[in-house]
Amino acid sequence: MNLVSNPRIIKSFPDKRQQIIDLCAKDTVVCELCEDYEEIIDAMVEAVSEENSNTGYRSSSLRELTALKKILEQELLERLGEQQNSN
């Protein structure tokens, strides 16, 4: 994953930009987490769009996506903390 072309996770944690880039480069799990984060954000955008056009997603789907986003953010923060503690 190229974080420069997909900066959403970095936009969520701008003060941890370099840490995220470094960790993503050496930890495939973190790289996958960042990819999952991108997919969740895309799904959230789509859910809002579809909800606004009344064609499908219910607000419960958006709540579930928001909960998943928070889980991914928490996991990233835990991994960043582990990396910092090991340095």
N, C-alpha and C. Protein backbone atom coordinates (compact mmCIF):
# COMPACT_ATOMS: atom_id res chain seq x y z
N MET A 1 0.83 -1.18 0.00
CA MET A 1 0.00 0.00 0.00
C MET A 1 0.87 1.24 0.00
N ASN A 2 0.48 2.19 -0.78
CA ASN A 2 1.20 3.45 -0.83
C ASN A 2 0.45 4.48 0.00
N LEU A 3 0.96 4.78 1.17
CA LEU A 3 0.26 5.71 2.06
C LEU A 3 0.23 7.12 1.52
N VAL A 4 1.17 7.45 0.65
CA VAL A 4 1.18 8.80 0.09
C VAL A 4 -0.04 8.99 -0.82
N SER A 5 -0.42 7.95 -1.56
CA SER A 5 -1.58 8.08 -2.44
C SER A 5 -2.88 7.77 -1.70
N ASN A 6 -2.81 7.20 -0.52
CA ASN A 6 -4.00 6.88 0.29
C ASN A 6 -3.81 7.41 1.70
N PRO A 7 -3.91 8.71 1.87
CA PRO A 7 -3.53 9.31 3.16
C PRO A 7 -4.61 9.38 4.22
N ARG A 8 -5.72 8.69 4.08
CA ARG A 8 -6.80 8.85 5.05
C ARG A 8 -6.38 8.51 6.47
N ILE A 9 -5.65 7.42 6.64
CA ILE A 9 -5.22 7.04 7.99
C ILE A 9 -4.27 8.09 8.54
N ILE A 10 -3.45 8.65 7.67
CA ILE A 10 -2.52 9.69 8.11
C ILE A 10 -3.28 10.97 8.43
N LYS A 11 -4.32 11.27 7.67
CA LYS A 11 -5.13 12.46 7.98
C LYS A 11 -5.83 12.31 9.32
N SER A 12 -6.14 11.09 9.70
CA SER A 12 -6.77 10.86 10.99
C SER A 12 -5.79 11.02 12.15
N PHE A 13 -4.52 10.78 11.87
CA PHE A 13 -3.47 10.88 12.89
C PHE A 13 -2.26 11.64 12.32
N PRO A 14 -2.43 12.92 12.00
CA PRO A 14 -1.34 13.66 11.35
C PRO A 14 -0.06 13.75 12.18
N ASP A 15 -0.20 13.74 13.49
CA ASP A 15 0.98 13.83 14.36
C ASP A 15 1.78 12.52 14.39
N LYS A 16 1.19 11.47 13.86
CA LYS A 16 1.87 10.17 13.84
C LYS A 16 2.23 9.74 12.41
N ARG A 17 2.26 10.69 11.51
CA ARG A 17 2.49 10.41 10.09
C ARG A 17 3.71 9.52 9.85
N GLN A 18 4.86 9.97 10.31
CA GLN A 18 6.08 9.22 10.03
C GLN A 18 6.07 7.86 10.71
N GLN A 19 5.54 7.79 11.92
CA GLN A 19 5.45 6.50 12.62
C GLN A 19 4.60 5.52 11.83
N ILE A 20 3.47 5.99 11.30
CA ILE A 20 2.59 5.12 10.53
C ILE A 20 3.29 4.63 9.27
N ILE A 21 3.95 5.53 8.58
CA ILE A 21 4.66 5.16 7.35
C ILE A 21 5.74 4.13 7.67
N ASP A 22 6.53 4.38 8.71
CA ASP A 22 7.61 3.46 9.08
C ASP A 22 7.06 2.09 9.48
N LEU A 23 6.02 2.08 10.31
CA LEU A 23 5.47 0.83 10.78
C LEU A 23 4.81 0.06 9.64
N CYS A 24 4.14 0.77 8.76
CA CYS A 24 3.49 0.12 7.62
C CYS A 24 4.53 -0.54 6.71
N ALA A 25 5.69 0.09 6.59
CA ALA A 25 6.75 -0.44 5.73
C ALA A 25 7.34 -1.74 6.26
N LYS A 26 7.30 -1.94 7.59
CA LYS A 26 7.93 -3.14 8.13
C LYS A 26 6.97 -4.13 8.77
N ASP A 27 5.69 -3.81 8.84
CA ASP A 27 4.72 -4.70 9.47
C ASP A 27 3.54 -4.91 8.53
N THR A 28 3.44 -6.11 7.97
CA THR A 28 2.39 -6.38 6.99
C THR A 28 0.99 -6.29 7.62
N VAL A 29 0.88 -6.62 8.90
CA VAL A 29 -0.42 -6.52 9.57
C VAL A 29 -0.88 -5.06 9.61
N VAL A 30 0.03 -4.16 9.92
CA VAL A 30 -0.31 -2.74 9.96
C VAL A 30 -0.64 -2.24 8.55
N CYS A 31 0.09 -2.71 7.58
CA CYS A 31 -0.19 -2.35 6.19
C CYS A 31 -1.61 -2.79 5.81
N GLU A 32 -1.97 -4.01 6.18
CA GLU A 32 -3.33 -4.50 5.91
C GLU A 32 -4.37 -3.71 6.68
N LEU A 33 -4.05 -3.33 7.90
CA LEU A 33 -4.95 -2.51 8.70
C LEU A 33 -5.21 -1.19 7.99
N CYS A 34 -4.18 -0.58 7.44
CA CYS A 34 -4.34 0.68 6.72
C CYS A 34 -5.19 0.48 5.46
N GLU A 35 -5.01 -0.62 4.79
CA GLU A 35 -5.83 -0.93 3.61
C GLU A 35 -7.29 -1.12 4.03
N ASP A 36 -7.51 -1.84 5.12
CA ASP A 36 -8.87 -2.04 5.63
C ASP A 36 -9.51 -0.70 5.99
N TYR A 37 -8.72 0.18 6.56
CA TYR A 37 -9.21 1.51 6.93
C TYR A 37 -9.71 2.25 5.69
N GLU A 38 -8.94 2.19 4.62
CA GLU A 38 -9.36 2.81 3.35
C GLU A 38 -10.68 2.24 2.88
N GLU A 39 -10.81 0.92 2.95
CA GLU A 39 -12.05 0.27 2.50
C GLU A 39 -13.24 0.67 3.37
N ILE A 40 -13.02 0.79 4.66
CA ILE A 40 -14.10 1.20 5.57
C ILE A 40 -14.54 2.63 5.24
N ILE A 41 -13.59 3.52 5.02
CA ILE A 41 -13.94 4.90 4.70
C ILE A 41 -14.71 4.95 3.38
N ASP A 42 -14.25 4.19 2.38
CA ASP A 42 -14.97 4.13 1.11
C ASP A 42 -16.39 3.63 1.31
N ALA A 43 -16.56 2.59 2.12
CA ALA A 43 -17.89 2.04 2.38
C ALA A 43 -18.76 3.05 3.13
N MET A 44 -18.16 3.81 4.04
CA MET A 44 -18.91 4.82 4.76
C MET A 44 -19.41 5.92 3.82
N VAL A 45 -18.54 6.34 2.91
CA VAL A 45 -18.92 7.36 1.93
C VAL A 45 -20.08 6.85 1.08
N GLU A 46 -19.95 5.60 0.64
CA GLU A 46 -21.01 5.00 -0.17
C GLU A 46 -22.30 4.86 0.62
N ALA A 47 -22.20 4.46 1.89
CA ALA A 47 -23.39 4.29 2.73
C ALA A 47 -24.11 5.62 2.92
N VAL A 48 -23.36 6.67 3.15
CA VAL A 48 -23.97 8.00 3.32
C VAL A 48 -24.64 8.43 2.02
N SER A 49 -23.96 8.21 0.92
CA SER A 49 -24.52 8.58 -0.38
C SER A 49 -25.81 7.81 -0.66
N GLU A 50 -25.78 6.51 -0.41
CA GLU A 50 -26.96 5.70 -0.66
C GLU A 50 -28.08 6.01 0.32
N GLU A 51 -27.70 6.30 1.56
CA GLU A 51 -28.72 6.65 2.55
C GLU A 51 -29.39 7.97 2.15
N ASN A 52 -28.59 8.90 1.65
CA ASN A 52 -29.14 10.19 1.23
C ASN A 52 -30.05 10.05 0.01
N SER A 53 -29.78 9.05 -0.82
CA SER A 53 -30.63 8.86 -2.00
C SER A 53 -31.74 7.85 -1.73
N ASN A 54 -31.82 7.38 -0.47
CA ASN A 54 -32.87 6.43 -0.06
C ASN A 54 -32.91 5.16 -0.89
N THR A 55 -31.76 4.63 -1.26
CA THR A 55 -31.75 3.43 -2.10
C THR A 55 -31.27 2.18 -1.39
N GLY A 56 -30.92 2.24 -0.12
CA GLY A 56 -30.43 0.99 0.42
C GLY A 56 -29.98 1.01 1.85
N TYR A 57 -28.74 1.39 2.05
CA TYR A 57 -28.15 1.28 3.38
C TYR A 57 -29.04 1.90 4.44
N ARG A 58 -29.15 1.21 5.54
CA ARG A 58 -29.83 1.77 6.70
C ARG A 58 -28.78 2.41 7.59
N SER A 59 -29.21 3.28 8.47
CA SER A 59 -28.25 3.94 9.34
C SER A 59 -27.53 2.95 10.24
N SER A 60 -28.11 1.76 10.46
CA SER A 60 -27.41 0.76 11.26
C SER A 60 -26.14 0.31 10.55
N SER A 61 -26.16 0.24 9.23
CA SER A 61 -24.96 -0.11 8.48
C SER A 61 -23.88 0.95 8.67
N LEU A 62 -24.28 2.18 8.65
CA LEU A 62 -23.32 3.27 8.87
C LEU A 62 -22.76 3.22 10.28
N ARG A 63 -23.62 2.90 11.25
CA ARG A 63 -23.13 2.76 12.64
C ARG A 63 -22.13 1.62 12.75
N GLU A 64 -22.41 0.51 12.07
CA GLU A 64 -21.49 -0.63 12.10
C GLU A 64 -20.15 -0.26 11.47
N LEU A 65 -20.19 0.46 10.36
CA LEU A 65 -18.96 0.89 9.70
C LEU A 65 -18.17 1.85 10.59
N THR A 66 -18.87 2.73 11.26
CA THR A 66 -18.21 3.67 12.16
C THR A 66 -17.55 2.93 13.32
N ALA A 67 -18.22 1.91 13.83
CA ALA A 67 -17.64 1.10 14.91
C ALA A 67 -16.40 0.37 14.42
N LEU A 68 -16.44 -0.18 13.21
CA LEU A 68 -15.27 -0.85 12.65
C LEU A 68 -14.12 0.13 12.46
N LYS A 69 -14.42 1.32 12.01
CA LYS A 69 -13.39 2.35 11.83
C LYS A 69 -12.70 2.64 13.16
N LYS A 70 -13.48 2.78 14.23
CA LYS A 70 -12.91 3.05 15.55
C LYS A 70 -12.04 1.89 16.03
N ILE A 71 -12.46 0.67 15.74
CA ILE A 71 -11.67 -0.50 16.12
C ILE A 71 -10.32 -0.48 15.41
N LEU A 72 -10.33 -0.18 14.11
CA LEU A 72 -9.08 -0.12 13.36
C LEU A 72 -8.18 1.00 13.87
N GLU A 73 -8.77 2.14 14.20
CA GLU A 73 -7.97 3.24 14.74
C GLU A 73 -7.34 2.84 16.07
N GLN A 74 -8.10 2.17 16.92
CA GLN A 74 -7.57 1.75 18.21
C GLN A 74 -6.44 0.73 18.04
N GLU A 75 -6.64 -0.20 17.12
CA GLU A 75 -5.59 -1.20 16.87
C GLU A 75 -4.31 -0.53 16.37
N LEU A 76 -4.46 0.44 15.49
CA LEU A 76 -3.28 1.15 14.99
C LEU A 76 -2.58 1.87 16.13
N LEU A 77 -3.33 2.55 16.97
CA LEU A 77 -2.72 3.26 18.10
C LEU A 77 -2.00 2.30 19.04
N GLU A 78 -2.59 1.12 19.27
CA GLU A 78 -1.92 0.13 20.12
C GLU A 78 -0.62 -0.33 19.49
N ARG A 79 -0.63 -0.58 18.20
CA ARG A 79 0.59 -1.02 17.52
C ARG A 79 1.65 0.08 17.50
N LEU A 80 1.22 1.31 17.34
CA LEU A 80 2.17 2.43 17.39
C LEU A 80 2.77 2.54 18.78
N GLY A 81 1.95 2.33 19.80
CA GLY A 81 2.45 2.36 21.18
C GLY A 81 3.44 1.24 21.44
N GLU A 82 3.17 0.05 20.92
CA GLU A 82 4.09 -1.08 21.07
C GLU A 82 5.41 -0.78 20.39
N GLN A 83 5.34 -0.17 19.20
CA GLN A 83 6.56 0.16 18.47
C GLN A 83 7.38 1.17 19.27
N GLN A 84 6.71 2.18 19.83
CA GLN A 84 7.38 3.21 20.60
C GLN A 84 8.03 2.63 21.84
N ASN A 85 7.34 1.70 22.50
CA ASN A 85 7.88 1.08 23.72
C ASN A 85 9.07 0.17 23.41
N SER A 86 9.14 -0.38 22.20
CA SER A 86 10.24 -1.27 21.88
C SER A 86 11.48 -0.51 21.41
N ASN A 87 11.34 0.78 21.17
CA ASN A 87 12.50 1.59 20.72
C ASN A 87 13.30 2.08 21.87
